[in-house]
Amino acid sequence: MRGLDIRKNDMVRVLAGRDRGKEGRVLEVNPRRKQLFVEHVNIIKRHTRPNPAKQIRGGILDKEGPIDVSNVALVCGDCGPTRIQHREKAEGKKVRVCVKCGQVLDR
């Protein structure tokens, strides 16, 4: 199986679903299930039981739910949401490159 093109701390824009158009930072990536957790996107309610031993108050908590990787696009700093290519640098390292403007997306 090939790895995902989106990594933790990347900025992405949601292309489909009830949160279409929102942008956020990727908090977690699950390549096996091809899902992402994006900051402030796909907010779900989690009913939690209080546990004083672990300092958990309990109640109804809001947290980010998973979103499929096909429903997001990586955001380039110059041209917005884009697809990416893979190219090799002079040192032999592979980098992600914006298709529209050619800017290297890896830090």
C-alpha atoms as a PDB file:
ATOM      1  CA  MET A   1       0.000   0.000   0.000  1.00  0.00           C
ATOM      2  CA  ARG A   2       1.274   3.468  -0.879  1.00  0.00           C
ATOM      3  CA  GLY A   3       1.566   6.095   1.842  1.00  0.00           C
ATOM      4  CA  LEU A   4      -0.627   9.176   1.997  1.00  0.00           C
ATOM      5  CA  ASP A   5       0.402  12.489   0.464  1.00  0.00           C
ATOM      6  CA  ILE A   6      -0.933  14.479   3.423  1.00  0.00           C
ATOM      7  CA  ARG A   7       0.992  14.566   6.685  1.00  0.00           C
ATOM      8  CA  LYS A   8       0.504  15.820  10.225  1.00  0.00           C
ATOM      9  CA  ASN A   9       0.543  19.655  10.592  1.00  0.00           C
ATOM     10  CA  ASP A  10      -0.297  20.241   6.887  1.00  0.00           C
ATOM     11  CA  MET A  11      -2.977  22.809   6.049  1.00  0.00           C
ATOM     12  CA  VAL A  12      -5.899  21.286   4.137  1.00  0.00           C
ATOM     13  CA  ARG A  13      -9.248  22.472   2.760  1.00  0.00           C
ATOM     14  CA  VAL A  14     -12.359  20.287   2.942  1.00  0.00           C
ATOM     15  CA  LEU A  15     -13.833  19.616  -0.512  1.00  0.00           C
ATOM     16  CA  ALA A  16     -16.941  17.599   0.373  1.00  0.00           C
ATOM     17  CA  GLY A  17     -19.344  17.080   3.245  1.00  0.00           C
ATOM     18  CA  ARG A  18     -21.081  19.366   5.711  1.00  0.00           C
ATOM     19  CA  ASP A  19     -17.830  21.249   6.455  1.00  0.00           C
ATOM     20  CA  ARG A  20     -17.069  21.997   2.779  1.00  0.00           C
ATOM     21  CA  GLY A  21     -14.837  25.057   2.384  1.00  0.00           C
ATOM     22  CA  LYS A  22     -13.314  24.980   5.869  1.00  0.00           C
ATOM     23  CA  GLU A  23      -9.551  24.979   6.265  1.00  0.00           C
ATOM     24  CA  GLY A  24      -7.611  23.487   9.125  1.00  0.00           C
ATOM     25  CA  ARG A  25      -4.419  21.876  10.322  1.00  0.00           C
ATOM     26  CA  VAL A  26      -4.101  18.084  10.240  1.00  0.00           C
ATOM     27  CA  LEU A  27      -3.944  16.762  13.810  1.00  0.00           C
ATOM     28  CA  GLU A  28      -3.612  13.040  13.114  1.00  0.00           C
ATOM     29  CA  VAL A  29      -3.250  10.749  10.089  1.00  0.00           C
ATOM     30  CA  ASN A  30      -4.427   7.136   9.875  1.00  0.00           C
ATOM     31  CA  PRO A  31      -2.924   5.769   6.620  1.00  0.00           C
ATOM     32  CA  ARG A  32      -4.336   2.272   7.070  1.00  0.00           C
ATOM     33  CA  ARG A  33      -7.937   3.550   7.091  1.00  0.00           C
ATOM     34  CA  LYS A  34      -7.127   6.552   4.812  1.00  0.00           C
ATOM     35  CA  GLN A  35      -8.556   9.014   7.320  1.00  0.00           C
ATOM     36  CA  LEU A  36      -7.464  12.326   8.813  1.00  0.00           C
ATOM     37  CA  PHE A  37      -8.397  14.331  11.870  1.00  0.00           C
ATOM     38  CA  VAL A  38      -8.515  18.046  10.959  1.00  0.00           C
ATOM     39  CA  GLU A  39      -8.651  20.867  13.497  1.00  0.00           C
ATOM     40  CA  HIS A  40     -12.203  22.325  13.897  1.00  0.00           C
ATOM     41  CA  VAL A  41     -13.660  20.080  11.166  1.00  0.00           C
ATOM     42  CA  ASN A  42     -16.258  17.281  11.537  1.00  0.00           C
ATOM     43  CA  ILE A  43     -16.951  18.075  15.197  1.00  0.00           C
ATOM     44  CA  ILE A  44     -18.728  15.231  17.017  1.00  0.00           C
ATOM     45  CA  LYS A  45     -20.189  14.872  20.508  1.00  0.00           C
ATOM     46  CA  ARG A  46     -18.521  12.393  22.865  1.00  0.00           C
ATOM     47  CA  HIS A  47     -20.344  11.353  26.059  1.00  0.00           C
ATOM     48  CA  THR A  48     -17.676  10.753  28.695  1.00  0.00           C
ATOM     49  CA  ARG A  49     -18.041   9.266  32.170  1.00  0.00           C
ATOM     50  CA  PRO A  50     -16.223  11.135  34.945  1.00  0.00           C
ATOM     51  CA  ASN A  51     -13.043   9.518  36.288  1.00  0.00           C
ATOM     52  CA  PRO A  52     -11.498  11.437  39.206  1.00  0.00           C
ATOM     53  CA  ALA A  53      -8.422   9.178  39.260  1.00  0.00           C
ATOM     54  CA  LYS A  54      -7.429  10.410  35.766  1.00  0.00           C
ATOM     55  CA  GLN A  55      -8.661  14.009  36.289  1.00  0.00           C
ATOM     56  CA  ILE A  56     -11.507  13.592  33.753  1.00  0.00           C
ATOM     57  CA  ARG A  57     -14.578  15.719  34.504  1.00  0.00           C
ATOM     58  CA  GLY A  58     -16.985  13.894  32.229  1.00  0.00           C
ATOM     59  CA  GLY A  59     -20.038  15.175  30.375  1.00  0.00           C
ATOM     60  CA  ILE A  60     -20.594  15.880  26.699  1.00  0.00           C
ATOM     61  CA  LEU A  61     -17.336  16.842  24.974  1.00  0.00           C
ATOM     62  CA  ASP A  62     -16.788  18.205  21.451  1.00  0.00           C
ATOM     63  CA  LYS A  63     -13.949  16.640  19.487  1.00  0.00           C
ATOM     64  CA  GLU A  64     -12.804  16.194  15.909  1.00  0.00           C
ATOM     65  CA  GLY A  65     -14.035  13.138  14.047  1.00  0.00           C
ATOM     66  CA  PRO A  66     -12.293  11.374  11.155  1.00  0.00           C
ATOM     67  CA  ILE A  67     -12.624  12.617   7.586  1.00  0.00           C
ATOM     68  CA  ASP A  68     -11.682  10.621   4.495  1.00  0.00           C
ATOM     69  CA  VAL A  69      -8.489  11.730   2.755  1.00  0.00           C
ATOM     70  CA  SER A  70     -10.325  11.931  -0.595  1.00  0.00           C
ATOM     71  CA  ASN A  71     -12.484  14.761   0.773  1.00  0.00           C
ATOM     72  CA  VAL A  72      -9.588  17.158   1.452  1.00  0.00           C
ATOM     73  CA  ALA A  73      -6.977  18.974  -0.634  1.00  0.00           C
ATOM     74  CA  LEU A  74      -3.567  20.172   0.488  1.00  0.00           C
ATOM     75  CA  VAL A  75      -3.316  23.993   0.603  1.00  0.00           C
ATOM     76  CA  CYS A  76      -0.353  25.669  -1.101  1.00  0.00           C
ATOM     77  CA  GLY A  77       0.720  28.979   0.440  1.00  0.00           C
ATOM     78  CA  ASP A  78       0.624  30.788  -2.914  1.00  0.00           C
ATOM     79  CA  CYS A  79      -2.234  29.287  -4.923  1.00  0.00           C
ATOM     80  CA  GLY A  80      -4.651  27.653  -2.460  1.00  0.00           C
ATOM     81  CA  PRO A  81      -5.892  24.031  -2.589  1.00  0.00           C
ATOM     82  CA  THR A  82      -3.953  21.938  -5.064  1.00  0.00           C
ATOM     83  CA  ARG A  83      -2.842  18.482  -6.077  1.00  0.00           C
ATOM     84  CA  ILE A  84       0.776  17.513  -5.516  1.00  0.00           C
ATOM     85  CA  GLN A  85       3.593  15.869  -7.406  1.00  0.00           C
ATOM     86  CA  HIS A  86       6.654  14.055  -6.108  1.00  0.00           C
ATOM     87  CA  ARG A  87      10.086  15.136  -7.326  1.00  0.00           C
ATOM     88  CA  GLU A  88      13.653  14.334  -6.309  1.00  0.00           C
ATOM     89  CA  LYS A  89      15.956  17.051  -5.047  1.00  0.00           C
ATOM     90  CA  ALA A  90      19.677  17.140  -5.758  1.00  0.00           C
ATOM     91  CA  GLU A  91      20.436  15.320  -2.482  1.00  0.00           C
ATOM     92  CA  GLY A  92      18.307  12.359  -3.588  1.00  0.00           C
ATOM     93  CA  LYS A  93      15.435  13.193  -1.226  1.00  0.00           C
ATOM     94  CA  LYS A  94      11.867  13.116  -2.524  1.00  0.00           C
ATOM     95  CA  VAL A  95       9.784  16.246  -1.914  1.00  0.00           C
ATOM     96  CA  ARG A  96       6.153  17.202  -2.453  1.00  0.00           C
ATOM     97  CA  VAL A  97       5.632  19.926  -5.063  1.00  0.00           C
ATOM     98  CA  CYS A  98       2.547  22.024  -5.898  1.00  0.00           C
ATOM     99  CA  VAL A  99       1.165  21.171  -9.360  1.00  0.00           C
ATOM    100  CA  LYS A 100       0.001  24.753 -10.091  1.00  0.00           C
ATOM    101  CA  CYS A 101       3.027  26.847  -9.102  1.00  0.00           C
ATOM    102  CA  GLY A 102       5.883  24.352  -8.595  1.00  0.00           C
ATOM    103  CA  GLN A 103       6.600  25.439  -5.008  1.00  0.00           C
ATOM    104  CA  VAL A 104       8.109  22.811  -2.676  1.00  0.00           C
ATOM    105  CA  LEU A 105       5.555  22.016   0.061  1.00  0.00           C
ATOM    106  CA  ASP A 106       7.894  20.181   2.455  1.00  0.00           C
ATOM    107  CA  ARG A 107       9.607  22.179   5.177  1.00  0.00           C
END
